Amino acid sequence: MNEHAQTKCKRKVAQLIGRPGLIALAVSLFSTITWAAEPVKINSLLTYPESYNMKMVRVEGTVSGYHMNHFIGNSTKLEKCIQEFSVEDDTGTINASYATICQMGTVMLKDGDHVTIDAHFSGILDVRSVAKN
């Protein structure tokens, strides 16, 4: 196909898709993102770990067994905080670890906090973000 024919074909496809097609595409992408953000029950993570391995998950629950370790980075000299704790929902309990730079507005947790966590799952929750509810 020559360049003129390719351009003409692309225009026809664009006309066929049009505004309704673009809206449908946007809605389908948004629904996928929304679905991915739905909380996963801890029992599902523990029962089907291979289904969630190395994937981002959202978990809601209550913090327990909280402790924090501080240390200074060798190359950056920044204070690092590693918060380790368990998260419990009505189906089970799982361990979590949240590593951050302390001075960067880190959410500091304590036992009894109700949280929503976004984390990579690898048998434990490697927390990327946390919000207190």
N, C-alpha and C. Protein backbone atom coordinates (compact mmCIF):
# COMPACT_ATOMS: atom_id res chain seq x y z
N MET A 1 0.85 -1.17 0.00
CA MET A 1 0.00 0.00 0.00
C MET A 1 0.90 1.23 0.00
N ASN A 2 0.58 2.20 -0.83
CA ASN A 2 1.38 3.42 -0.87
C ASN A 2 0.97 4.35 0.27
N GLU A 3 1.74 5.41 0.44
CA GLU A 3 1.53 6.33 1.56
C GLU A 3 0.16 7.00 1.50
N HIS A 4 -0.30 7.38 0.32
CA HIS A 4 -1.61 8.01 0.16
C HIS A 4 -2.72 7.05 0.57
N ALA A 5 -2.61 5.81 0.16
CA ALA A 5 -3.64 4.81 0.50
C ALA A 5 -3.65 4.54 2.00
N GLN A 6 -2.47 4.50 2.65
CA GLN A 6 -2.41 4.28 4.10
C GLN A 6 -3.07 5.43 4.85
N THR A 7 -2.81 6.66 4.41
CA THR A 7 -3.41 7.83 5.05
C THR A 7 -4.92 7.79 4.91
N LYS A 8 -5.41 7.44 3.72
CA LYS A 8 -6.85 7.35 3.47
C LYS A 8 -7.48 6.27 4.35
N CYS A 9 -6.80 5.15 4.49
CA CYS A 9 -7.30 4.04 5.32
C CYS A 9 -7.37 4.47 6.78
N LYS A 10 -6.34 5.17 7.28
CA LYS A 10 -6.33 5.64 8.67
C LYS A 10 -7.47 6.60 8.94
N ARG A 11 -7.77 7.47 7.96
CA ARG A 11 -8.88 8.42 8.12
C ARG A 11 -10.21 7.68 8.22
N LYS A 12 -10.38 6.64 7.39
CA LYS A 12 -11.64 5.88 7.43
C LYS A 12 -11.81 5.18 8.77
N VAL A 13 -10.72 4.61 9.29
CA VAL A 13 -10.78 3.95 10.60
C VAL A 13 -11.14 4.97 11.67
N ALA A 14 -10.53 6.14 11.63
CA ALA A 14 -10.82 7.19 12.61
C ALA A 14 -12.28 7.61 12.53
N GLN A 15 -12.83 7.70 11.30
CA GLN A 15 -14.23 8.07 11.13
C GLN A 15 -15.15 6.98 11.67
N LEU A 16 -14.78 5.72 11.46
CA LEU A 16 -15.61 4.62 11.95
C LEU A 16 -15.64 4.57 13.48
N ILE A 17 -14.48 4.79 14.08
CA ILE A 17 -14.43 4.76 15.55
C ILE A 17 -15.15 5.96 16.11
N GLY A 18 -14.79 7.14 15.64
CA GLY A 18 -15.46 8.38 16.04
C GLY A 18 -15.48 8.60 17.54
N ARG A 19 -16.28 9.58 17.93
CA ARG A 19 -16.39 9.96 19.34
C ARG A 19 -16.99 8.85 20.20
N PRO A 20 -18.07 8.13 19.76
CA PRO A 20 -18.61 7.06 20.60
C PRO A 20 -17.58 5.96 20.88
N GLY A 21 -16.76 5.64 19.87
CA GLY A 21 -15.73 4.63 20.07
C GLY A 21 -14.69 5.06 21.08
N LEU A 22 -14.29 6.31 21.02
CA LEU A 22 -13.31 6.82 21.97
C LEU A 22 -13.88 6.85 23.39
N ILE A 23 -15.15 7.20 23.51
CA ILE A 23 -15.80 7.20 24.82
C ILE A 23 -15.85 5.79 25.38
N ALA A 24 -16.22 4.82 24.53
CA ALA A 24 -16.27 3.42 24.97
C ALA A 24 -14.90 2.93 25.41
N LEU A 25 -13.87 3.31 24.67
CA LEU A 25 -12.51 2.92 25.04
C LEU A 25 -12.13 3.52 26.39
N ALA A 26 -12.43 4.79 26.60
CA ALA A 26 -12.11 5.45 27.86
C ALA A 26 -12.85 4.80 29.03
N VAL A 27 -14.12 4.48 28.85
CA VAL A 27 -14.91 3.83 29.90
C VAL A 27 -14.33 2.46 30.23
N SER A 28 -13.95 1.70 29.20
CA SER A 28 -13.40 0.36 29.46
C SER A 28 -12.07 0.45 30.19
N LEU A 29 -11.23 1.42 29.85
CA LEU A 29 -9.96 1.59 30.55
C LEU A 29 -10.20 2.00 31.99
N PHE A 30 -11.14 2.93 32.22
CA PHE A 30 -11.44 3.38 33.57
C PHE A 30 -11.99 2.24 34.41
N SER A 31 -12.85 1.41 33.85
CA SER A 31 -13.42 0.31 34.62
C SER A 31 -12.36 -0.70 34.99
N THR A 32 -11.36 -0.91 34.13
CA THR A 32 -10.26 -1.80 34.45
C THR A 32 -9.44 -1.24 35.61
N ILE A 33 -9.15 0.06 35.58
CA ILE A 33 -8.39 0.69 36.65
C ILE A 33 -9.18 0.63 37.95
N THR A 34 -10.46 0.90 37.90
CA THR A 34 -11.29 0.85 39.09
C THR A 34 -11.32 -0.56 39.66
N TRP A 35 -11.46 -1.56 38.80
CA TRP A 35 -11.50 -2.93 39.28
C TRP A 35 -10.20 -3.29 39.99
N ALA A 36 -9.06 -2.87 39.42
CA ALA A 36 -7.76 -3.19 40.01
C ALA A 36 -7.60 -2.56 41.38
N ALA A 37 -8.31 -1.48 41.66
CA ALA A 37 -8.18 -0.79 42.92
C ALA A 37 -9.10 -1.35 44.00
N GLU A 38 -9.91 -2.34 43.69
CA GLU A 38 -10.79 -2.94 44.68
C GLU A 38 -9.96 -3.71 45.71
N PRO A 39 -10.28 -3.59 47.00
CA PRO A 39 -9.52 -4.32 48.02
C PRO A 39 -9.64 -5.84 47.85
N VAL A 40 -8.53 -6.51 48.14
CA VAL A 40 -8.47 -7.97 48.11
C VAL A 40 -8.54 -8.45 49.56
N LYS A 41 -9.31 -9.50 49.80
CA LYS A 41 -9.37 -10.08 51.14
C LYS A 41 -8.08 -10.84 51.41
N ILE A 42 -7.58 -10.73 52.62
CA ILE A 42 -6.31 -11.37 52.98
C ILE A 42 -6.39 -12.87 52.79
N ASN A 43 -7.52 -13.48 53.08
CA ASN A 43 -7.66 -14.92 52.88
C ASN A 43 -7.40 -15.31 51.43
N SER A 44 -7.80 -14.46 50.48
CA SER A 44 -7.53 -14.74 49.06
C SER A 44 -6.03 -14.74 48.77
N LEU A 45 -5.30 -13.78 49.36
CA LEU A 45 -3.85 -13.73 49.18
C LEU A 45 -3.19 -14.99 49.73
N LEU A 46 -3.66 -15.44 50.90
CA LEU A 46 -3.06 -16.60 51.54
C LEU A 46 -3.46 -17.92 50.88
N THR A 47 -4.67 -17.98 50.35
CA THR A 47 -5.16 -19.21 49.71
C THR A 47 -4.65 -19.37 48.29
N TYR A 48 -4.54 -18.27 47.54
CA TYR A 48 -4.13 -18.31 46.14
C TYR A 48 -2.91 -17.41 45.89
N PRO A 49 -1.80 -17.64 46.59
CA PRO A 49 -0.66 -16.73 46.46
C PRO A 49 -0.10 -16.66 45.04
N GLU A 50 -0.18 -17.74 44.29
CA GLU A 50 0.36 -17.73 42.92
C GLU A 50 -0.44 -16.79 42.01
N SER A 51 -1.69 -16.55 42.31
CA SER A 51 -2.51 -15.64 41.51
C SER A 51 -2.14 -14.18 41.72
N TYR A 52 -1.56 -13.87 42.87
CA TYR A 52 -1.24 -12.49 43.21
C TYR A 52 0.26 -12.19 43.21
N ASN A 53 1.09 -13.22 43.06
CA ASN A 53 2.53 -13.07 43.20
C ASN A 53 3.08 -11.96 42.30
N MET A 54 3.79 -11.02 42.91
CA MET A 54 4.44 -9.89 42.25
C MET A 54 3.45 -8.93 41.57
N LYS A 55 2.21 -8.95 41.99
CA LYS A 55 1.21 -8.03 41.46
C LYS A 55 0.87 -7.00 42.53
N MET A 56 0.39 -5.84 42.06
CA MET A 56 -0.08 -4.81 42.99
C MET A 56 -1.45 -5.22 43.50
N VAL A 57 -1.63 -5.10 44.81
CA VAL A 57 -2.92 -5.40 45.44
C VAL A 57 -3.26 -4.27 46.40
N ARG A 58 -4.53 -4.13 46.67
CA ARG A 58 -5.01 -3.18 47.68
C ARG A 58 -5.64 -4.01 48.79
N VAL A 59 -5.25 -3.71 50.02
CA VAL A 59 -5.76 -4.43 51.19
C VAL A 59 -6.22 -3.40 52.20
N GLU A 60 -7.34 -3.68 52.85
CA GLU A 60 -7.83 -2.84 53.95
C GLU A 60 -7.83 -3.68 55.21
N GLY A 61 -7.42 -3.07 56.32
CA GLY A 61 -7.42 -3.80 57.57
C GLY A 61 -6.90 -2.96 58.72
N THR A 62 -6.61 -3.66 59.83
CA THR A 62 -6.16 -3.02 61.06
C THR A 62 -4.72 -3.43 61.34
N VAL A 63 -3.90 -2.44 61.72
CA VAL A 63 -2.48 -2.65 62.01
C VAL A 63 -2.31 -3.29 63.39
N SER A 64 -1.41 -4.29 63.47
CA SER A 64 -1.03 -4.87 64.76
C SER A 64 0.43 -5.29 64.69
N GLY A 65 1.04 -5.53 65.84
CA GLY A 65 2.43 -5.97 65.90
C GLY A 65 3.41 -4.99 65.29
N TYR A 66 3.11 -3.70 65.39
CA TYR A 66 3.89 -2.65 64.74
C TYR A 66 5.25 -2.45 65.41
N HIS A 67 6.28 -2.32 64.59
CA HIS A 67 7.58 -1.82 65.05
C HIS A 67 8.30 -1.14 63.89
N MET A 68 9.23 -0.22 64.25
CA MET A 68 9.94 0.54 63.22
C MET A 68 11.43 0.47 63.49
N ASN A 69 12.19 0.38 62.39
CA ASN A 69 13.64 0.44 62.44
C ASN A 69 14.10 1.69 61.71
N HIS A 70 15.06 2.41 62.32
CA HIS A 70 15.67 3.58 61.70
C HIS A 70 17.10 3.23 61.33
N PHE A 71 17.56 3.77 60.23
CA PHE A 71 18.99 3.71 59.92
C PHE A 71 19.33 4.81 58.94
N ILE A 72 20.60 5.13 58.85
CA ILE A 72 21.09 6.17 57.95
C ILE A 72 21.68 5.48 56.73
N GLY A 73 21.25 5.91 55.53
CA GLY A 73 21.76 5.32 54.30
C GLY A 73 23.25 5.60 54.12
N ASN A 74 23.99 4.63 53.60
CA ASN A 74 25.44 4.78 53.41
C ASN A 74 25.79 5.85 52.40
N SER A 75 25.12 5.86 51.27
CA SER A 75 25.50 6.82 50.23
C SER A 75 24.73 8.13 50.32
N THR A 76 23.47 8.09 50.71
CA THR A 76 22.66 9.31 50.73
C THR A 76 22.68 10.03 52.06
N LYS A 77 23.00 9.31 53.12
CA LYS A 77 23.01 9.87 54.48
C LYS A 77 21.62 10.33 54.93
N LEU A 78 20.58 9.84 54.27
CA LEU A 78 19.21 10.17 54.67
C LEU A 78 18.72 9.13 55.68
N GLU A 79 17.88 9.59 56.62
CA GLU A 79 17.31 8.69 57.61
C GLU A 79 16.21 7.86 56.96
N LYS A 80 16.34 6.56 57.05
CA LYS A 80 15.35 5.66 56.46
C LYS A 80 14.55 4.99 57.57
N CYS A 81 13.26 4.82 57.31
CA CYS A 81 12.35 4.18 58.25
C CYS A 81 11.78 2.93 57.60
N ILE A 82 11.87 1.83 58.31
CA ILE A 82 11.23 0.61 57.84
C ILE A 82 10.19 0.24 58.89
N GLN A 83 8.92 0.39 58.50
CA GLN A 83 7.81 0.06 59.38
C GLN A 83 7.36 -1.36 59.04
N GLU A 84 7.41 -2.23 60.04
CA GLU A 84 6.97 -3.61 59.85
C GLU A 84 5.78 -3.86 60.76
N PHE A 85 4.78 -4.55 60.23
CA PHE A 85 3.55 -4.76 60.98
C PHE A 85 2.73 -5.87 60.32
N SER A 86 1.66 -6.24 60.96
CA SER A 86 0.68 -7.16 60.39
C SER A 86 -0.58 -6.37 60.07
N VAL A 87 -1.30 -6.83 59.06
CA VAL A 87 -2.59 -6.24 58.70
C VAL A 87 -3.62 -7.34 58.84
N GLU A 88 -4.71 -7.02 59.52
CA GLU A 88 -5.76 -8.00 59.75
C GLU A 88 -7.09 -7.47 59.21
N ASP A 89 -7.78 -8.33 58.44
CA ASP A 89 -9.16 -8.03 58.06
C ASP A 89 -10.03 -9.14 58.62
N ASP A 90 -11.28 -9.21 58.23
CA ASP A 90 -12.19 -10.20 58.80
C ASP A 90 -11.92 -11.62 58.28
N THR A 91 -10.90 -11.79 57.39
CA THR A 91 -10.63 -13.13 56.83
C THR A 91 -9.25 -13.66 57.19
N GLY A 92 -8.36 -12.81 57.73
CA GLY A 92 -7.02 -13.29 58.06
C GLY A 92 -6.06 -12.17 58.37
N THR A 93 -4.79 -12.58 58.54
CA THR A 93 -3.72 -11.65 58.89
C THR A 93 -2.52 -11.90 57.99
N ILE A 94 -1.84 -10.82 57.57
CA ILE A 94 -0.66 -10.94 56.73
C ILE A 94 0.38 -9.91 57.17
N ASN A 95 1.65 -10.25 56.99
CA ASN A 95 2.73 -9.33 57.34
C ASN A 95 2.96 -8.31 56.23
N ALA A 96 3.43 -7.12 56.65
CA ALA A 96 3.69 -6.04 55.70
C ALA A 96 4.95 -5.30 56.11
N SER A 97 5.60 -4.70 55.12
CA SER A 97 6.79 -3.90 55.35
C SER A 97 6.69 -2.63 54.51
N TYR A 98 6.96 -1.48 55.14
CA TYR A 98 6.85 -0.19 54.47
C TYR A 98 8.15 0.58 54.66
N ALA A 99 9.00 0.62 53.63
CA ALA A 99 10.29 1.28 53.69
C ALA A 99 10.20 2.65 53.04
N THR A 100 10.62 3.69 53.79
CA THR A 100 10.55 5.06 53.28
C THR A 100 11.71 5.88 53.81
N ILE A 101 11.84 7.08 53.29
CA ILE A 101 12.76 8.08 53.85
C ILE A 101 11.95 8.84 54.88
N CYS A 102 12.41 8.86 56.11
CA CYS A 102 11.62 9.40 57.23
C CYS A 102 11.20 10.85 57.04
N GLN A 103 12.07 11.69 56.49
CA GLN A 103 11.78 13.12 56.40
C GLN A 103 10.85 13.47 55.25
N MET A 104 10.37 12.53 54.49
CA MET A 104 9.61 12.83 53.28
C MET A 104 8.09 12.74 53.50
N GLY A 105 7.61 13.08 54.67
CA GLY A 105 6.17 13.09 54.92
C GLY A 105 5.57 11.71 55.03
N THR A 106 6.34 10.77 55.53
CA THR A 106 5.90 9.39 55.66
C THR A 106 4.71 9.27 56.61
N VAL A 107 3.74 8.45 56.25
CA VAL A 107 2.64 8.14 57.14
C VAL A 107 3.18 7.20 58.22
N MET A 108 3.15 7.65 59.46
CA MET A 108 3.62 6.83 60.58
C MET A 108 2.43 6.09 61.17
N LEU A 109 2.57 4.79 61.27
CA LEU A 109 1.48 3.95 61.74
C LEU A 109 1.63 3.61 63.21
N LYS A 110 0.57 3.03 63.78
CA LYS A 110 0.61 2.50 65.13
C LYS A 110 -0.43 1.39 65.22
N ASP A 111 -0.27 0.54 66.22
CA ASP A 111 -1.24 -0.53 66.42
C ASP A 111 -2.65 0.04 66.54
N GLY A 112 -3.59 -0.61 65.88
CA GLY A 112 -4.98 -0.20 65.93
C GLY A 112 -5.42 0.71 64.79
N ASP A 113 -4.47 1.25 64.02
CA ASP A 113 -4.84 2.08 62.86
C ASP A 113 -5.57 1.24 61.83
N HIS A 114 -6.66 1.78 61.29
CA HIS A 114 -7.34 1.14 60.17
C HIS A 114 -6.76 1.77 58.91
N VAL A 115 -6.26 0.92 57.99
CA VAL A 115 -5.51 1.42 56.84
C VAL A 115 -5.99 0.80 55.53
N THR A 116 -5.69 1.52 54.45
CA THR A 116 -5.80 1.00 53.10
C THR A 116 -4.39 1.00 52.54
N ILE A 117 -3.94 -0.14 52.06
CA ILE A 117 -2.56 -0.32 51.61
C ILE A 117 -2.55 -0.74 50.16
N ASP A 118 -1.67 -0.11 49.37
CA ASP A 118 -1.36 -0.57 48.01
C ASP A 118 0.04 -1.15 48.10
N ALA A 119 0.19 -2.42 47.68
CA ALA A 119 1.46 -3.11 47.86
C ALA A 119 1.69 -4.15 46.78
N HIS A 120 2.98 -4.45 46.57
CA HIS A 120 3.35 -5.62 45.77
C HIS A 120 3.24 -6.82 46.69
N PHE A 121 2.67 -7.90 46.20
CA PHE A 121 2.54 -9.10 47.01
C PHE A 121 3.61 -10.11 46.63
N SER A 122 4.34 -10.59 47.63
CA SER A 122 5.34 -11.63 47.41
C SER A 122 5.39 -12.56 48.62
N GLY A 123 4.22 -12.92 49.11
CA GLY A 123 4.12 -13.68 50.34
C GLY A 123 3.90 -12.75 51.53
N ILE A 124 4.45 -11.55 51.43
CA ILE A 124 4.16 -10.46 52.37
C ILE A 124 3.75 -9.26 51.52
N LEU A 125 3.31 -8.21 52.17
CA LEU A 125 2.94 -6.99 51.46
C LEU A 125 4.13 -6.03 51.49
N ASP A 126 4.68 -5.73 50.31
CA ASP A 126 5.74 -4.74 50.17
C ASP A 126 5.03 -3.43 49.85
N VAL A 127 4.75 -2.65 50.88
CA VAL A 127 3.87 -1.49 50.81
C VAL A 127 4.48 -0.39 49.94
N ARG A 128 3.68 0.14 49.01
CA ARG A 128 4.06 1.28 48.17
C ARG A 128 3.39 2.55 48.66
N SER A 129 2.16 2.43 49.15
CA SER A 129 1.47 3.58 49.73
C SER A 129 0.48 3.09 50.79
N VAL A 130 0.23 3.96 51.76
CA VAL A 130 -0.69 3.63 52.83
C VAL A 130 -1.49 4.87 53.18
N ALA A 131 -2.76 4.66 53.50
CA ALA A 131 -3.62 5.74 53.96
C ALA A 131 -4.37 5.26 55.20
N LYS A 132 -4.42 6.14 56.21
CA LYS A 132 -5.20 5.82 57.40
C LYS A 132 -6.66 6.13 57.10
N ASN A 133 -7.55 5.26 57.53
CA ASN A 133 -9.00 5.47 57.30
C ASN A 133 -9.67 5.88 58.59
